């Protein structure tokens, strides 16, 4: 290994594999499921999903940036303040629904 750039590239690759990838994967898996809770603005039950890919990539450089991707109260309430994001990670994900036979 006479080339120092090869060593630097190897160190960066190992750092990405063992440090960055687990953070991104854990964030993606944690926020990918929709959550159901009471909307602060309407008082109705809402199912909310966030952009998990964006949150995971943001977690790579700092705190995950949650952005609402889907809401069961849209399109009527699409201009809401999205105060549900504060409760999103504290709420358990919706269980997978099995098809009714």
C-alpha atoms as a PDB file:
ATOM      1  CA  UNK A   1       0.000   0.000   0.000  1.00  0.00           C
ATOM      2  CA  UNK A   2       2.245   2.734  -1.252  1.00  0.00           C
ATOM      3  CA  UNK A   3      -0.613   4.971  -2.331  1.00  0.00           C
ATOM      4  CA  UNK A   4      -2.064   6.984   0.602  1.00  0.00           C
ATOM      5  CA  UNK A   5      -5.237   7.737  -1.379  1.00  0.00           C
ATOM      6  CA  UNK A   6      -6.069   4.028  -1.437  1.00  0.00           C
ATOM      7  CA  UNK A   7      -5.807   3.911   2.341  1.00  0.00           C
ATOM      8  CA  UNK A   8      -7.968   7.008   2.710  1.00  0.00           C
ATOM      9  CA  UNK A   9     -10.582   5.568   0.340  1.00  0.00           C
ATOM     10  CA  UNK A  10     -10.616   2.308   2.316  1.00  0.00           C
ATOM     11  CA  UNK A  11     -11.096   4.179   5.601  1.00  0.00           C
ATOM     12  CA  UNK A  12     -13.980   6.189   4.129  1.00  0.00           C
ATOM     13  CA  UNK A  13     -15.595   3.009   2.744  1.00  0.00           C
ATOM     14  CA  UNK A  14     -15.370   1.285   6.135  1.00  0.00           C
ATOM     15  CA  UNK A  15     -16.805   4.364   7.860  1.00  0.00           C
ATOM     16  CA  UNK A  16     -19.737   4.442   5.450  1.00  0.00           C
ATOM     17  CA  UNK A  17     -20.384   0.744   5.865  1.00  0.00           C
ATOM     18  CA  UNK A  18     -20.145   0.530   9.649  1.00  0.00           C
ATOM     19  CA  UNK A  19     -21.276   3.966  10.796  1.00  0.00           C
ATOM     20  CA  UNK A  20     -23.382   5.764   8.233  1.00  0.00           C
ATOM     21  CA  UNK A  21     -25.324   2.855   6.722  1.00  0.00           C
ATOM     22  CA  UNK A  22     -26.704   1.591  10.076  1.00  0.00           C
ATOM     23  CA  UNK A  23     -27.912   5.091  10.996  1.00  0.00           C
ATOM     24  CA  UNK A  24     -29.665   5.534   7.648  1.00  0.00           C
ATOM     25  CA  UNK A  25     -31.181   2.038   7.697  1.00  0.00           C
ATOM     26  CA  UNK A  26     -32.419   2.326  11.292  1.00  0.00           C
ATOM     27  CA  UNK A  27     -34.077   5.678  10.637  1.00  0.00           C
ATOM     28  CA  UNK A  28     -35.733   4.414   7.455  1.00  0.00           C
ATOM     29  CA  UNK A  29     -37.110   1.313   9.180  1.00  0.00           C
ATOM     30  CA  UNK A  30     -38.299   3.336  12.196  1.00  0.00           C
ATOM     31  CA  UNK A  31     -40.311   5.950  10.265  1.00  0.00           C
ATOM     32  CA  UNK A  32     -41.501   4.075   7.155  1.00  0.00           C
ATOM     33  CA  UNK A  33     -44.775   2.798   8.645  1.00  0.00           C
ATOM     34  CA  UNK A  34     -47.889   4.961   8.810  1.00  0.00           C
ATOM     35  CA  UNK A  35     -49.062   6.089  12.226  1.00  0.00           C
ATOM     36  CA  UNK A  36     -52.583   6.739  13.431  1.00  0.00           C
ATOM     37  CA  UNK A  37     -53.490   9.419  15.970  1.00  0.00           C
ATOM     38  CA  UNK A  38     -55.900  12.266  16.702  1.00  0.00           C
ATOM     39  CA  UNK A  39     -55.339  15.352  14.551  1.00  0.00           C
ATOM     40  CA  UNK A  40     -54.612  18.389  16.731  1.00  0.00           C
ATOM     41  CA  UNK A  41     -56.490  20.718  14.389  1.00  0.00           C
ATOM     42  CA  UNK A  42     -59.640  18.720  13.577  1.00  0.00           C
ATOM     43  CA  UNK A  43     -59.905  16.196  16.420  1.00  0.00           C
ATOM     44  CA  UNK A  44     -60.429  13.425  13.855  1.00  0.00           C
ATOM     45  CA  UNK A  45     -58.360  10.265  13.626  1.00  0.00           C
ATOM     46  CA  UNK A  46     -55.719  10.576  10.926  1.00  0.00           C
ATOM     47  CA  UNK A  47     -53.313   8.079   9.392  1.00  0.00           C
ATOM     48  CA  UNK A  48     -50.067   9.868   8.615  1.00  0.00           C
ATOM     49  CA  UNK A  49     -47.071   8.670   6.633  1.00  0.00           C
ATOM     50  CA  UNK A  50     -43.769  10.494   6.299  1.00  0.00           C
ATOM     51  CA  UNK A  51     -41.171  10.513   3.544  1.00  0.00           C
ATOM     52  CA  UNK A  52     -38.939   7.798   5.025  1.00  0.00           C
ATOM     53  CA  UNK A  53     -36.252   8.098   2.359  1.00  0.00           C
ATOM     54  CA  UNK A  54     -35.807  11.823   3.003  1.00  0.00           C
ATOM     55  CA  UNK A  55     -35.752  11.295   6.768  1.00  0.00           C
ATOM     56  CA  UNK A  56     -33.128   8.553   6.458  1.00  0.00           C
ATOM     57  CA  UNK A  57     -30.846  10.627   4.247  1.00  0.00           C
ATOM     58  CA  UNK A  58     -31.194  13.610   6.580  1.00  0.00           C
ATOM     59  CA  UNK A  59     -30.266  11.373   9.527  1.00  0.00           C
ATOM     60  CA  UNK A  60     -26.944  10.718   7.800  1.00  0.00           C
ATOM     61  CA  UNK A  61     -25.909  14.331   8.347  1.00  0.00           C
ATOM     62  CA  UNK A  62     -27.821  15.122  11.516  1.00  0.00           C
ATOM     63  CA  UNK A  63     -31.333  14.948  12.855  1.00  0.00           C
ATOM     64  CA  UNK A  64     -33.962  13.226  10.673  1.00  0.00           C
ATOM     65  CA  UNK A  65     -36.125  15.745   8.827  1.00  0.00           C
ATOM     66  CA  UNK A  66     -39.693  14.459   8.937  1.00  0.00           C
ATOM     67  CA  UNK A  67     -42.010  15.609   6.170  1.00  0.00           C
ATOM     68  CA  UNK A  68     -45.607  14.446   5.808  1.00  0.00           C
ATOM     69  CA  UNK A  69     -46.012  12.427   2.617  1.00  0.00           C
ATOM     70  CA  UNK A  70     -49.560  11.105   3.086  1.00  0.00           C
ATOM     71  CA  UNK A  71     -52.451  11.888   5.396  1.00  0.00           C
ATOM     72  CA  UNK A  72     -55.896  10.345   5.473  1.00  0.00           C
ATOM     73  CA  UNK A  73     -57.420  13.818   5.978  1.00  0.00           C
ATOM     74  CA  UNK A  74     -56.010  15.141   2.703  1.00  0.00           C
ATOM     75  CA  UNK A  75     -56.840  16.764   0.287  1.00  0.00           C
ATOM     76  CA  UNK A  76     -59.378  18.701   2.367  1.00  0.00           C
ATOM     77  CA  UNK A  77     -56.802  19.510   5.076  1.00  0.00           C
ATOM     78  CA  UNK A  78     -53.672  19.656   2.908  1.00  0.00           C
ATOM     79  CA  UNK A  79     -52.837  23.158   4.121  1.00  0.00           C
ATOM     80  CA  UNK A  80     -52.659  22.181   7.808  1.00  0.00           C
ATOM     81  CA  UNK A  81     -49.794  23.105  10.130  1.00  0.00           C
ATOM     82  CA  UNK A  82     -48.566  19.491  10.348  1.00  0.00           C
ATOM     83  CA  UNK A  83     -48.344  19.588  14.126  1.00  0.00           C
ATOM     84  CA  UNK A  84     -48.653  15.789  14.042  1.00  0.00           C
ATOM     85  CA  UNK A  85     -44.960  15.470  13.178  1.00  0.00           C
ATOM     86  CA  UNK A  86     -44.042  16.212  16.785  1.00  0.00           C
ATOM     87  CA  UNK A  87     -45.910  13.104  17.894  1.00  0.00           C
ATOM     88  CA  UNK A  88     -45.003  10.916  14.930  1.00  0.00           C
ATOM     89  CA  UNK A  89     -41.966   9.136  16.378  1.00  0.00           C
ATOM     90  CA  UNK A  90     -43.565   8.718  19.815  1.00  0.00           C
ATOM     91  CA  UNK A  91     -46.496   6.807  18.316  1.00  0.00           C
ATOM     92  CA  UNK A  92     -46.420   3.100  17.478  1.00  0.00           C
ATOM     93  CA  UNK A  93     -46.726   2.164  13.792  1.00  0.00           C
ATOM     94  CA  UNK A  94     -49.959   0.742  12.446  1.00  0.00           C
ATOM     95  CA  UNK A  95     -49.965  -3.079  12.386  1.00  0.00           C
ATOM     96  CA  UNK A  96     -50.089  -4.681   8.966  1.00  0.00           C
ATOM     97  CA  UNK A  97     -53.662  -5.446   7.997  1.00  0.00           C
ATOM     98  CA  UNK A  98     -54.372  -8.924   6.765  1.00  0.00           C
ATOM     99  CA  UNK A  99     -56.782  -9.275   3.857  1.00  0.00           C
ATOM    100  CA  UNK A 100     -60.306 -10.308   4.785  1.00  0.00           C
ATOM    101  CA  UNK A 101     -61.297 -13.630   3.255  1.00  0.00           C
END
